[in-house]
Amino acid sequence: MTQVKVAVIYYTSTGANYQMAKWAQQGAQETGAEVRLLKVKETAPQAAIDSNEAWKKTHQELQNETKATVDDLVWADVIIFSVPTRYGNAAGQFQAYLDQTGGIWANGKTINKVVTAMSSAQNPHGGQESTIQSIYKTMCHWGCIIVPPGYSDESVFGAGGNPYGCSATVTPGGEITTDNLQPAVVHQAKRTIQVGQWVKAGMGG
């Protein structure tokens, strides 16, 4: 089977999307893919971070994690995003990262990337679906191949049944309370990588 390069790119404030990204990394590694786990740079002022103990703690714990760059997007065949919702949209830190990609987009470097996305909020209907869809809108502009989990596996139903991408319900302290989320994340990652293998093989990769 064709080996693919996978960028698992996450932004996290209190840790939930880091955990989801780690599960996606696990699924990707189980396929034999070459994987990079990458954190979107924090852009919030320190005063805002310090105002939330869970955010402050997570920021300190992850400050030395490898940061995502635009070059990582060019490198990857498959991209898995994990991003919290902010009022039904992707967190501003993640948007700031996407806003740096005009150069690679203009040069056709985003075309035919195989992508999927996940999200989290403090309640089951806190904007996860619209956040994932907002990411997918950008991916349409990029010319990507979007791979939602749909209802392709029983694990999707077990984790709440979001066909757009895995959705976590998270406490203010960053604890994921969604039942059976890990197998659904692993499945979503593996499904996306499988499509990435097909695409790369079909392109002579």
N, C-alpha and C. Protein backbone atom coordinates (compact mmCIF):
# COMPACT_ATOMS: atom_id res chain seq x y z
N MET A 1 0.85 -1.19 0.00
CA MET A 1 0.00 0.00 0.00
C MET A 1 0.89 1.24 0.00
N THR A 2 0.47 2.27 -0.72
CA THR A 2 1.22 3.51 -0.82
C THR A 2 1.35 4.17 0.55
N GLN A 3 2.58 4.55 0.90
CA GLN A 3 2.77 5.26 2.17
C GLN A 3 2.49 6.74 1.96
N VAL A 4 1.78 7.33 2.91
CA VAL A 4 1.47 8.75 2.81
C VAL A 4 2.09 9.50 3.98
N LYS A 5 2.23 10.81 3.78
CA LYS A 5 2.73 11.72 4.82
C LYS A 5 1.53 12.45 5.41
N VAL A 6 1.43 12.39 6.73
CA VAL A 6 0.24 12.90 7.43
C VAL A 6 0.64 14.00 8.40
N ALA A 7 0.00 15.16 8.28
CA ALA A 7 0.16 16.23 9.26
C ALA A 7 -1.10 16.27 10.12
N VAL A 8 -0.94 16.01 11.41
CA VAL A 8 -2.04 16.16 12.37
C VAL A 8 -1.85 17.51 13.03
N ILE A 9 -2.70 18.46 12.69
CA ILE A 9 -2.52 19.85 13.11
C ILE A 9 -3.64 20.23 14.06
N TYR A 10 -3.28 20.70 15.24
CA TYR A 10 -4.27 21.02 16.26
C TYR A 10 -4.00 22.38 16.88
N TYR A 11 -5.08 23.01 17.33
CA TYR A 11 -4.96 24.10 18.28
C TYR A 11 -5.70 23.66 19.52
N THR A 12 -5.16 23.99 20.68
CA THR A 12 -5.82 23.64 21.93
C THR A 12 -5.61 24.74 22.94
N SER A 13 -6.62 24.97 23.78
CA SER A 13 -6.45 25.90 24.89
C SER A 13 -6.39 25.13 26.20
N THR A 14 -7.30 24.20 26.41
CA THR A 14 -7.32 23.46 27.67
C THR A 14 -6.99 21.97 27.50
N GLY A 15 -6.58 21.56 26.31
CA GLY A 15 -6.02 20.23 26.15
C GLY A 15 -6.84 19.20 25.39
N ALA A 16 -8.13 19.44 25.18
CA ALA A 16 -8.97 18.41 24.57
C ALA A 16 -8.56 18.13 23.13
N ASN A 17 -8.30 19.16 22.35
CA ASN A 17 -7.95 18.93 20.96
C ASN A 17 -6.54 18.36 20.81
N TYR A 18 -5.71 18.58 21.79
CA TYR A 18 -4.41 17.90 21.81
C TYR A 18 -4.62 16.40 22.00
N GLN A 19 -5.52 16.03 22.91
CA GLN A 19 -5.80 14.61 23.13
C GLN A 19 -6.40 13.98 21.87
N MET A 20 -7.31 14.68 21.21
CA MET A 20 -7.90 14.15 19.99
C MET A 20 -6.84 14.00 18.90
N ALA A 21 -5.94 14.97 18.83
CA ALA A 21 -4.86 14.90 17.85
C ALA A 21 -3.94 13.72 18.13
N LYS A 22 -3.70 13.44 19.40
CA LYS A 22 -2.87 12.28 19.76
C LYS A 22 -3.54 10.98 19.34
N TRP A 23 -4.85 10.90 19.49
CA TRP A 23 -5.57 9.70 19.04
C TRP A 23 -5.50 9.57 17.53
N ALA A 24 -5.63 10.70 16.83
CA ALA A 24 -5.51 10.68 15.37
C ALA A 24 -4.10 10.26 14.96
N GLN A 25 -3.11 10.74 15.68
CA GLN A 25 -1.72 10.33 15.42
C GLN A 25 -1.57 8.82 15.59
N GLN A 26 -2.18 8.29 16.64
CA GLN A 26 -2.15 6.84 16.89
C GLN A 26 -2.73 6.09 15.70
N GLY A 27 -3.91 6.52 15.24
CA GLY A 27 -4.54 5.86 14.10
C GLY A 27 -3.68 5.95 12.86
N ALA A 28 -3.08 7.09 12.63
CA ALA A 28 -2.23 7.29 11.46
C ALA A 28 -1.00 6.39 11.51
N GLN A 29 -0.39 6.31 12.67
CA GLN A 29 0.81 5.48 12.82
C GLN A 29 0.48 4.00 12.61
N GLU A 30 -0.71 3.59 13.01
CA GLU A 30 -1.11 2.19 12.83
C GLU A 30 -1.24 1.81 11.36
N THR A 31 -1.39 2.80 10.48
CA THR A 31 -1.47 2.52 9.04
C THR A 31 -0.09 2.46 8.39
N GLY A 32 0.95 2.82 9.16
CA GLY A 32 2.29 2.86 8.60
C GLY A 32 2.65 4.19 7.98
N ALA A 33 1.81 5.20 8.15
CA ALA A 33 2.06 6.52 7.58
C ALA A 33 3.20 7.21 8.32
N GLU A 34 3.83 8.15 7.64
CA GLU A 34 4.79 9.05 8.27
C GLU A 34 3.99 10.22 8.83
N VAL A 35 4.11 10.47 10.14
CA VAL A 35 3.20 11.39 10.81
C VAL A 35 3.96 12.51 11.51
N ARG A 36 3.43 13.72 11.37
CA ARG A 36 3.89 14.87 12.15
C ARG A 36 2.72 15.37 13.00
N LEU A 37 2.94 15.49 14.31
CA LEU A 37 1.96 16.06 15.23
C LEU A 37 2.36 17.51 15.48
N LEU A 38 1.48 18.46 15.14
CA LEU A 38 1.87 19.86 15.05
C LEU A 38 0.87 20.77 15.74
N LYS A 39 1.37 21.67 16.55
CA LYS A 39 0.52 22.59 17.33
C LYS A 39 0.49 23.96 16.66
N VAL A 40 -0.71 24.49 16.50
CA VAL A 40 -0.86 25.85 15.99
C VAL A 40 -0.41 26.82 17.08
N LYS A 41 0.36 27.80 16.69
CA LYS A 41 0.95 28.77 17.62
C LYS A 41 -0.13 29.53 18.38
N GLU A 42 0.10 29.71 19.67
CA GLU A 42 -0.79 30.51 20.50
C GLU A 42 -0.59 31.99 20.19
N THR A 43 -1.69 32.69 19.95
CA THR A 43 -1.60 34.12 19.64
C THR A 43 -2.33 34.99 20.66
N ALA A 44 -3.00 34.38 21.63
CA ALA A 44 -3.74 35.14 22.63
C ALA A 44 -2.77 35.85 23.58
N PRO A 45 -3.13 37.01 24.10
CA PRO A 45 -2.27 37.69 25.07
C PRO A 45 -2.12 36.87 26.35
N GLN A 46 -0.98 37.00 26.98
CA GLN A 46 -0.72 36.22 28.18
C GLN A 46 -1.75 36.47 29.27
N ALA A 47 -2.27 37.69 29.33
CA ALA A 47 -3.27 38.01 30.36
C ALA A 47 -4.52 37.16 30.18
N ALA A 48 -4.90 36.91 28.93
CA ALA A 48 -6.07 36.07 28.67
C ALA A 48 -5.79 34.63 29.07
N ILE A 49 -4.60 34.16 28.74
CA ILE A 49 -4.22 32.79 29.11
C ILE A 49 -4.20 32.63 30.63
N ASP A 50 -3.63 33.60 31.31
CA ASP A 50 -3.50 33.53 32.77
C ASP A 50 -4.84 33.61 33.48
N SER A 51 -5.86 34.12 32.81
CA SER A 51 -7.17 34.26 33.45
C SER A 51 -7.91 32.94 33.58
N ASN A 52 -7.41 31.89 32.92
CA ASN A 52 -8.05 30.58 32.94
C ASN A 52 -6.99 29.56 33.36
N GLU A 53 -7.16 28.95 34.52
CA GLU A 53 -6.13 28.06 35.06
C GLU A 53 -5.86 26.87 34.15
N ALA A 54 -6.91 26.30 33.56
CA ALA A 54 -6.72 25.14 32.68
C ALA A 54 -5.96 25.55 31.42
N TRP A 55 -6.29 26.71 30.88
CA TRP A 55 -5.59 27.23 29.70
C TRP A 55 -4.13 27.51 30.03
N LYS A 56 -3.90 28.15 31.16
CA LYS A 56 -2.54 28.46 31.59
C LYS A 56 -1.71 27.20 31.76
N LYS A 57 -2.28 26.19 32.40
CA LYS A 57 -1.59 24.93 32.64
C LYS A 57 -1.26 24.23 31.31
N THR A 58 -2.23 24.16 30.43
CA THR A 58 -2.01 23.51 29.13
C THR A 58 -0.97 24.26 28.31
N HIS A 59 -1.06 25.57 28.32
CA HIS A 59 -0.10 26.39 27.57
C HIS A 59 1.33 26.12 28.05
N GLN A 60 1.50 26.01 29.35
CA GLN A 60 2.84 25.73 29.90
C GLN A 60 3.30 24.33 29.52
N GLU A 61 2.40 23.37 29.59
CA GLU A 61 2.77 21.98 29.31
C GLU A 61 3.13 21.75 27.84
N LEU A 62 2.49 22.49 26.95
CA LEU A 62 2.67 22.24 25.51
C LEU A 62 3.52 23.30 24.82
N GLN A 63 4.13 24.19 25.55
CA GLN A 63 4.82 25.31 24.91
C GLN A 63 6.01 24.87 24.06
N ASN A 64 6.55 23.68 24.34
CA ASN A 64 7.70 23.21 23.56
C ASN A 64 7.32 22.20 22.48
N GLU A 65 6.02 21.97 22.30
CA GLU A 65 5.58 21.06 21.24
C GLU A 65 5.89 21.66 19.87
N THR A 66 6.11 20.81 18.88
CA THR A 66 6.45 21.27 17.53
C THR A 66 5.33 22.12 16.96
N LYS A 67 5.69 23.31 16.46
CA LYS A 67 4.70 24.24 15.92
C LYS A 67 4.44 23.96 14.44
N ALA A 68 3.20 24.12 14.04
CA ALA A 68 2.81 23.94 12.65
C ALA A 68 3.30 25.12 11.82
N THR A 69 3.82 24.83 10.65
CA THR A 69 4.22 25.87 9.70
C THR A 69 3.47 25.66 8.39
N VAL A 70 3.54 26.63 7.53
CA VAL A 70 2.94 26.50 6.20
C VAL A 70 3.64 25.39 5.42
N ASP A 71 4.94 25.23 5.64
CA ASP A 71 5.70 24.19 4.93
C ASP A 71 5.16 22.80 5.25
N ASP A 72 4.62 22.61 6.45
CA ASP A 72 4.05 21.30 6.80
C ASP A 72 2.86 20.95 5.92
N LEU A 73 2.10 21.95 5.52
CA LEU A 73 0.96 21.72 4.63
C LEU A 73 1.42 21.28 3.25
N VAL A 74 2.51 21.87 2.78
CA VAL A 74 3.07 21.49 1.48
C VAL A 74 3.60 20.06 1.54
N TRP A 75 4.25 19.71 2.65
CA TRP A 75 4.85 18.39 2.84
C TRP A 75 3.81 17.28 2.86
N ALA A 76 2.67 17.53 3.48
CA ALA A 76 1.69 16.48 3.76
C ALA A 76 0.89 16.07 2.54
N ASP A 77 0.58 14.77 2.48
CA ASP A 77 -0.42 14.26 1.54
C ASP A 77 -1.81 14.32 2.17
N VAL A 78 -1.84 14.08 3.49
CA VAL A 78 -3.08 14.03 4.26
C VAL A 78 -2.96 14.99 5.43
N ILE A 79 -4.03 15.75 5.69
CA ILE A 79 -4.04 16.70 6.80
C ILE A 79 -5.25 16.44 7.67
N ILE A 80 -5.02 16.28 8.96
CA ILE A 80 -6.09 16.08 9.94
C ILE A 80 -6.07 17.27 10.89
N PHE A 81 -7.17 18.01 10.96
CA PHE A 81 -7.27 19.18 11.82
C PHE A 81 -8.10 18.85 13.06
N SER A 82 -7.68 19.36 14.21
CA SER A 82 -8.47 19.26 15.43
C SER A 82 -8.46 20.64 16.09
N VAL A 83 -9.64 21.27 16.13
CA VAL A 83 -9.72 22.69 16.49
C VAL A 83 -10.98 22.94 17.33
N PRO A 84 -10.87 23.66 18.44
CA PRO A 84 -12.07 23.97 19.22
C PRO A 84 -12.94 25.02 18.53
N THR A 85 -14.23 25.00 18.85
CA THR A 85 -15.14 26.00 18.31
C THR A 85 -15.11 27.27 19.16
N ARG A 86 -15.28 28.39 18.47
CA ARG A 86 -15.46 29.68 19.13
C ARG A 86 -16.66 30.34 18.48
N TYR A 87 -17.80 30.29 19.18
CA TYR A 87 -19.04 30.89 18.65
C TYR A 87 -19.41 30.29 17.30
N GLY A 88 -19.20 29.00 17.14
CA GLY A 88 -19.59 28.33 15.91
C GLY A 88 -18.58 28.42 14.79
N ASN A 89 -17.44 29.01 15.06
CA ASN A 89 -16.35 29.10 14.08
C ASN A 89 -15.07 28.54 14.69
N ALA A 90 -14.08 28.31 13.85
CA ALA A 90 -12.80 27.82 14.35
C ALA A 90 -12.12 28.90 15.19
N ALA A 91 -11.39 28.46 16.21
CA ALA A 91 -10.67 29.39 17.08
C ALA A 91 -9.79 30.34 16.26
N GLY A 92 -9.69 31.58 16.74
CA GLY A 92 -8.95 32.61 16.01
C GLY A 92 -7.49 32.26 15.78
N GLN A 93 -6.89 31.53 16.71
CA GLN A 93 -5.50 31.13 16.54
C GLN A 93 -5.33 30.27 15.29
N PHE A 94 -6.28 29.38 15.08
CA PHE A 94 -6.25 28.53 13.89
C PHE A 94 -6.51 29.35 12.63
N GLN A 95 -7.44 30.28 12.70
CA GLN A 95 -7.70 31.14 11.55
C GLN A 95 -6.46 31.95 11.18
N ALA A 96 -5.73 32.41 12.19
CA ALA A 96 -4.50 33.16 11.93
C ALA A 96 -3.48 32.29 11.20
N TYR A 97 -3.45 31.01 11.53
CA TYR A 97 -2.56 30.07 10.83
C TYR A 97 -2.99 29.93 9.37
N LEU A 98 -4.29 29.74 9.15
CA LEU A 98 -4.77 29.61 7.77
C LEU A 98 -4.50 30.87 6.96
N ASP A 99 -4.55 32.02 7.62
CA ASP A 99 -4.35 33.29 6.92
C ASP A 99 -2.93 33.46 6.40
N GLN A 100 -2.02 32.58 6.80
CA GLN A 100 -0.64 32.64 6.32
C GLN A 100 -0.43 31.83 5.03
N THR A 101 -1.48 31.18 4.55
CA THR A 101 -1.30 30.19 3.49
C THR A 101 -1.57 30.71 2.08
N GLY A 102 -1.75 32.01 1.94
CA GLY A 102 -2.07 32.56 0.62
C GLY A 102 -1.03 32.23 -0.44
N GLY A 103 0.23 32.24 -0.05
CA GLY A 103 1.30 31.97 -1.01
C GLY A 103 1.24 30.56 -1.57
N ILE A 104 1.07 29.56 -0.70
CA ILE A 104 1.03 28.19 -1.20
C ILE A 104 -0.25 27.92 -1.96
N TRP A 105 -1.35 28.56 -1.54
CA TRP A 105 -2.61 28.44 -2.28
C TRP A 105 -2.46 29.00 -3.69
N ALA A 106 -1.86 30.19 -3.79
CA ALA A 106 -1.73 30.84 -5.09
C ALA A 106 -0.84 30.05 -6.05
N ASN A 107 0.05 29.25 -5.48
CA ASN A 107 0.96 28.45 -6.30
C ASN A 107 0.50 27.01 -6.47
N GLY A 108 -0.77 26.74 -6.11
CA GLY A 108 -1.35 25.42 -6.33
C GLY A 108 -0.84 24.33 -5.41
N LYS A 109 -0.25 24.72 -4.28
CA LYS A 109 0.36 23.72 -3.39
C LYS A 109 -0.64 23.06 -2.45
N THR A 110 -1.88 23.54 -2.46
CA THR A 110 -2.89 22.93 -1.59
C THR A 110 -3.83 22.00 -2.36
N ILE A 111 -3.73 22.00 -3.67
CA ILE A 111 -4.65 21.22 -4.50
C ILE A 111 -4.44 19.72 -4.28
N ASN A 112 -5.55 19.01 -4.12
CA ASN A 112 -5.59 17.55 -3.97
C ASN A 112 -5.01 17.04 -2.64
N LYS A 113 -4.81 17.94 -1.67
CA LYS A 113 -4.53 17.45 -0.32
C LYS A 113 -5.80 16.76 0.19
N VAL A 114 -5.64 15.68 0.92
CA VAL A 114 -6.78 14.94 1.47
C VAL A 114 -6.93 15.35 2.94
N VAL A 115 -8.11 15.87 3.29
CA VAL A 115 -8.26 16.50 4.61
C VAL A 115 -9.51 16.02 5.34
N THR A 116 -9.44 16.13 6.67
CA THR A 116 -10.59 15.90 7.53
C THR A 116 -10.43 16.77 8.76
N ALA A 117 -11.53 16.95 9.53
CA ALA A 117 -11.47 17.85 10.68
C ALA A 117 -12.32 17.34 11.84
N MET A 118 -11.92 17.77 13.04
CA MET A 118 -12.62 17.45 14.28
C MET A 118 -12.74 18.72 15.11
N SER A 119 -13.64 18.71 16.10
CA SER A 119 -13.80 19.91 16.91
C SER A 119 -14.32 19.55 18.30
N SER A 120 -14.40 20.59 19.15
CA SER A 120 -14.88 20.41 20.52
C SER A 120 -15.59 21.66 21.01
N ALA A 121 -16.45 21.49 22.01
CA ALA A 121 -17.14 22.60 22.68
C ALA A 121 -17.58 22.12 24.05
N GLN A 122 -18.16 23.03 24.83
CA GLN A 122 -18.52 22.68 26.20
C GLN A 122 -19.86 21.96 26.31
N ASN A 123 -20.60 21.82 25.21
CA ASN A 123 -21.82 21.02 25.25
C ASN A 123 -21.99 20.34 23.90
N PRO A 124 -22.87 19.34 23.82
CA PRO A 124 -22.96 18.54 22.59
C PRO A 124 -23.40 19.32 21.35
N HIS A 125 -24.04 20.48 21.55
CA HIS A 125 -24.51 21.28 20.42
C HIS A 125 -23.92 22.69 20.49
N GLY A 126 -22.65 22.75 20.80
CA GLY A 126 -21.99 24.03 21.02
C GLY A 126 -21.29 24.61 19.80
N GLY A 127 -21.59 24.09 18.62
CA GLY A 127 -21.01 24.65 17.42
C GLY A 127 -20.00 23.78 16.71
N GLN A 128 -19.84 22.54 17.19
CA GLN A 128 -18.85 21.65 16.57
C GLN A 128 -19.10 21.45 15.07
N GLU A 129 -20.35 21.18 14.70
CA GLU A 129 -20.64 20.91 13.29
C GLU A 129 -20.33 22.12 12.42
N SER A 130 -20.76 23.31 12.85
CA SER A 130 -20.51 24.50 12.02
C SER A 130 -19.03 24.85 11.99
N THR A 131 -18.30 24.54 13.05
CA THR A 131 -16.86 24.77 13.04
C THR A 131 -16.17 23.87 12.03
N ILE A 132 -16.52 22.60 12.03
CA ILE A 132 -15.94 21.67 11.06
C ILE A 132 -16.30 22.10 9.64
N GLN A 133 -17.54 22.50 9.43
CA GLN A 133 -17.97 22.94 8.10
C GLN A 133 -17.24 24.21 7.68
N SER A 134 -16.95 25.10 8.63
CA SER A 134 -16.21 26.31 8.29
C SER A 134 -14.79 25.98 7.83
N ILE A 135 -14.19 24.97 8.44
CA ILE A 135 -12.87 24.51 8.00
C ILE A 135 -12.97 23.91 6.60
N TYR A 136 -14.02 23.12 6.38
CA TYR A 136 -14.19 22.50 5.06
C TYR A 136 -14.43 23.54 3.97
N LYS A 137 -15.06 24.66 4.30
CA LYS A 137 -15.24 25.72 3.30
C LYS A 137 -13.88 26.22 2.81
N THR A 138 -12.96 26.41 3.75
CA THR A 138 -11.61 26.82 3.35
C THR A 138 -10.96 25.75 2.50
N MET A 139 -11.18 24.49 2.86
CA MET A 139 -10.58 23.40 2.09
C MET A 139 -11.13 23.35 0.66
N CYS A 140 -12.37 23.77 0.47
CA CYS A 140 -12.92 23.86 -0.89
C CYS A 140 -12.15 24.90 -1.69
N HIS A 141 -11.84 26.02 -1.07
CA HIS A 141 -11.04 27.05 -1.75
C HIS A 141 -9.64 26.52 -2.08
N TRP A 142 -9.12 25.69 -1.22
CA TRP A 142 -7.79 25.12 -1.44
C TRP A 142 -7.78 24.06 -2.54
N GLY A 143 -8.95 23.53 -2.90
CA GLY A 143 -8.99 22.45 -3.89
C GLY A 143 -8.68 21.10 -3.29
N CYS A 144 -8.99 20.95 -2.01
CA CYS A 144 -8.70 19.70 -1.30
C CYS A 144 -9.78 18.65 -1.55
N ILE A 145 -9.46 17.44 -1.16
CA ILE A 145 -10.41 16.34 -1.16
C ILE A 145 -10.81 16.11 0.29
N ILE A 146 -12.06 16.43 0.61
CA ILE A 146 -12.55 16.36 1.99
C ILE A 146 -13.08 14.96 2.28
N VAL A 147 -12.66 14.40 3.41
CA VAL A 147 -13.08 13.06 3.79
C VAL A 147 -13.78 13.12 5.16
N PRO A 148 -15.11 13.25 5.17
CA PRO A 148 -15.84 13.16 6.43
C PRO A 148 -15.99 11.70 6.83
N PRO A 149 -16.18 11.42 8.12
CA PRO A 149 -16.37 10.03 8.50
C PRO A 149 -17.71 9.47 8.04
N GLY A 150 -18.71 10.36 7.85
CA GLY A 150 -20.04 9.85 7.52
C GLY A 150 -20.48 8.84 8.57
N TYR A 151 -21.20 7.83 8.14
CA TYR A 151 -21.59 6.74 9.04
C TYR A 151 -20.94 5.46 8.55
N SER A 152 -19.62 5.56 8.36
CA SER A 152 -18.84 4.48 7.77
C SER A 152 -18.39 3.43 8.76
N ASP A 153 -18.70 3.63 10.05
CA ASP A 153 -18.27 2.68 11.07
C ASP A 153 -19.15 2.84 12.30
N GLU A 154 -19.34 1.76 13.03
CA GLU A 154 -20.17 1.82 14.24
C GLU A 154 -19.61 2.78 15.28
N SER A 155 -18.29 3.00 15.26
CA SER A 155 -17.67 3.89 16.25
C SER A 155 -18.20 5.32 16.12
N VAL A 156 -18.61 5.71 14.92
CA VAL A 156 -19.15 7.06 14.73
C VAL A 156 -20.43 7.22 15.54
N PHE A 157 -21.31 6.22 15.47
CA PHE A 157 -22.54 6.25 16.25
C PHE A 157 -22.23 6.26 17.75
N GLY A 158 -21.24 5.47 18.15
CA GLY A 158 -20.90 5.36 19.56
C GLY A 158 -20.38 6.64 20.16
N ALA A 159 -19.84 7.53 19.31
CA ALA A 159 -19.26 8.78 19.80
C ALA A 159 -20.16 9.99 19.55
N GLY A 160 -21.44 9.74 19.25
CA GLY A 160 -22.37 10.85 19.10
C GLY A 160 -22.93 11.02 17.71
N GLY A 161 -22.33 10.39 16.71
CA GLY A 161 -22.93 10.34 15.39
C GLY A 161 -22.78 11.57 14.53
N ASN A 162 -21.72 12.36 14.70
CA ASN A 162 -21.51 13.51 13.83
C ASN A 162 -20.87 13.05 12.52
N PRO A 163 -21.57 13.16 11.38
CA PRO A 163 -21.02 12.66 10.12
C PRO A 163 -19.94 13.55 9.52
N TYR A 164 -19.82 14.79 10.03
CA TYR A 164 -18.85 15.74 9.47
C TYR A 164 -17.44 15.50 10.03
N GLY A 165 -17.38 15.09 11.28
CA GLY A 165 -16.10 14.85 11.94
C GLY A 165 -16.33 14.65 13.42
N CYS A 166 -15.40 14.01 14.08
CA CYS A 166 -15.57 13.72 15.50
C CYS A 166 -15.74 15.01 16.30
N SER A 167 -16.66 14.95 17.27
CA SER A 167 -16.99 16.11 18.10
C SER A 167 -16.87 15.73 19.57
N ALA A 168 -16.13 16.52 20.29
CA ALA A 168 -15.97 16.28 21.72
C ALA A 168 -16.78 17.29 22.53
N THR A 169 -17.38 16.79 23.60
CA THR A 169 -17.94 17.67 24.63
C THR A 169 -16.91 17.73 25.76
N VAL A 170 -16.59 18.93 26.19
CA VAL A 170 -15.43 19.14 27.07
C VAL A 170 -15.82 20.00 28.27
N THR A 171 -15.33 19.64 29.46
CA THR A 171 -15.55 20.45 30.65
C THR A 171 -14.71 21.73 30.57
N PRO A 172 -15.02 22.75 31.38
CA PRO A 172 -14.19 23.95 31.38
C PRO A 172 -12.72 23.67 31.71
N GLY A 173 -12.48 22.56 32.39
CA GLY A 173 -11.11 22.19 32.71
C GLY A 173 -10.40 21.40 31.63
N GLY A 174 -11.09 21.11 30.55
CA GLY A 174 -10.47 20.42 29.43
C GLY A 174 -10.68 18.92 29.37
N GLU A 175 -11.51 18.38 30.25
CA GLU A 175 -11.76 16.93 30.25
C GLU A 175 -12.81 16.57 29.20
N ILE A 176 -12.49 15.61 28.36
CA ILE A 176 -13.45 15.13 27.36
C ILE A 176 -14.46 14.21 28.03
N THR A 177 -15.74 14.51 27.85
CA THR A 177 -16.79 13.70 28.48
C THR A 177 -17.57 12.88 27.46
N THR A 178 -17.28 13.01 26.19
CA THR A 178 -17.95 12.23 25.15
C THR A 178 -17.56 10.77 25.27
N ASP A 179 -18.54 9.90 25.33
CA ASP A 179 -18.27 8.47 25.44
C ASP A 179 -17.68 7.93 24.13
N ASN A 180 -16.76 6.99 24.27
CA ASN A 180 -16.27 6.21 23.13
C ASN A 180 -15.70 7.06 22.00
N LEU A 181 -15.08 8.19 22.34
CA LEU A 181 -14.58 9.08 21.29
C LEU A 181 -13.29 8.57 20.65
N GLN A 182 -12.42 7.96 21.43
CA GLN A 182 -11.13 7.54 20.89
C GLN A 182 -11.26 6.63 19.67
N PRO A 183 -12.07 5.55 19.71
CA PRO A 183 -12.16 4.70 18.51
C PRO A 183 -12.72 5.43 17.31
N ALA A 184 -13.60 6.39 17.52
CA ALA A 184 -14.15 7.16 16.40
C ALA A 184 -13.08 8.04 15.78
N VAL A 185 -12.24 8.65 16.60
CA VAL A 185 -11.14 9.48 16.09
C VAL A 185 -10.15 8.62 15.31
N VAL A 186 -9.81 7.47 15.87
CA VAL A 186 -8.87 6.56 15.19
C VAL A 186 -9.46 6.13 13.85
N HIS A 187 -10.75 5.82 13.83
CA HIS A 187 -11.39 5.42 12.57
C HIS A 187 -11.36 6.56 11.56
N GLN A 188 -11.68 7.78 12.00
CA GLN A 188 -11.69 8.92 11.08
C GLN A 188 -10.31 9.13 10.48
N ALA A 189 -9.28 9.01 11.30
CA ALA A 189 -7.91 9.16 10.80
C ALA A 189 -7.58 8.08 9.77
N LYS A 190 -7.90 6.84 10.09
CA LYS A 190 -7.58 5.73 9.18
C LYS A 190 -8.36 5.83 7.88
N ARG A 191 -9.62 6.23 7.96
CA ARG A 191 -10.43 6.38 6.75
C ARG A 191 -9.83 7.46 5.85
N THR A 192 -9.43 8.57 6.44
CA THR A 192 -8.87 9.67 5.66
C THR A 192 -7.56 9.25 5.01
N ILE A 193 -6.75 8.51 5.75
CA ILE A 193 -5.47 8.05 5.22
C ILE A 193 -5.69 7.05 4.09
N GLN A 194 -6.69 6.20 4.23
CA GLN A 194 -6.99 5.26 3.15
C GLN A 194 -7.31 6.00 1.85
N VAL A 195 -8.13 7.03 1.94
CA VAL A 195 -8.42 7.84 0.75
C VAL A 195 -7.15 8.51 0.25
N GLY A 196 -6.33 8.99 1.18
CA GLY A 196 -5.06 9.60 0.79
C GLY A 196 -4.16 8.63 0.05
N GLN A 197 -4.16 7.38 0.46
CA GLN A 197 -3.37 6.35 -0.24
C GLN A 197 -3.89 6.15 -1.66
N TRP A 198 -5.23 6.10 -1.80
CA TRP A 198 -5.81 5.94 -3.13
C TRP A 198 -5.44 7.11 -4.04
N VAL A 199 -5.54 8.31 -3.50
CA VAL A 199 -5.26 9.51 -4.30
C VAL A 199 -3.79 9.53 -4.71
N LYS A 200 -2.91 9.27 -3.77
CA LYS A 200 -1.49 9.32 -4.08
C LYS A 200 -1.11 8.25 -5.09
N ALA A 201 -1.66 7.05 -4.91
CA ALA A 201 -1.38 5.98 -5.86
C ALA A 201 -1.91 6.33 -7.25
N GLY A 202 -3.09 6.94 -7.30
CA GLY A 202 -3.69 7.30 -8.57
C GLY A 202 -2.95 8.41 -9.28
N MET A 203 -2.22 9.23 -8.50
CA MET A 203 -1.42 10.31 -9.08
C MET A 203 0.00 9.84 -9.40
N GLY A 204 0.23 8.55 -9.23
CA GLY A 204 1.56 8.01 -9.52
C GLY A 204 2.54 8.18 -8.40
N GLY A 205 1.96 8.38 -7.15
CA GLY A 205 2.81 8.64 -6.01
C GLY A 205 3.51 7.44 -5.48
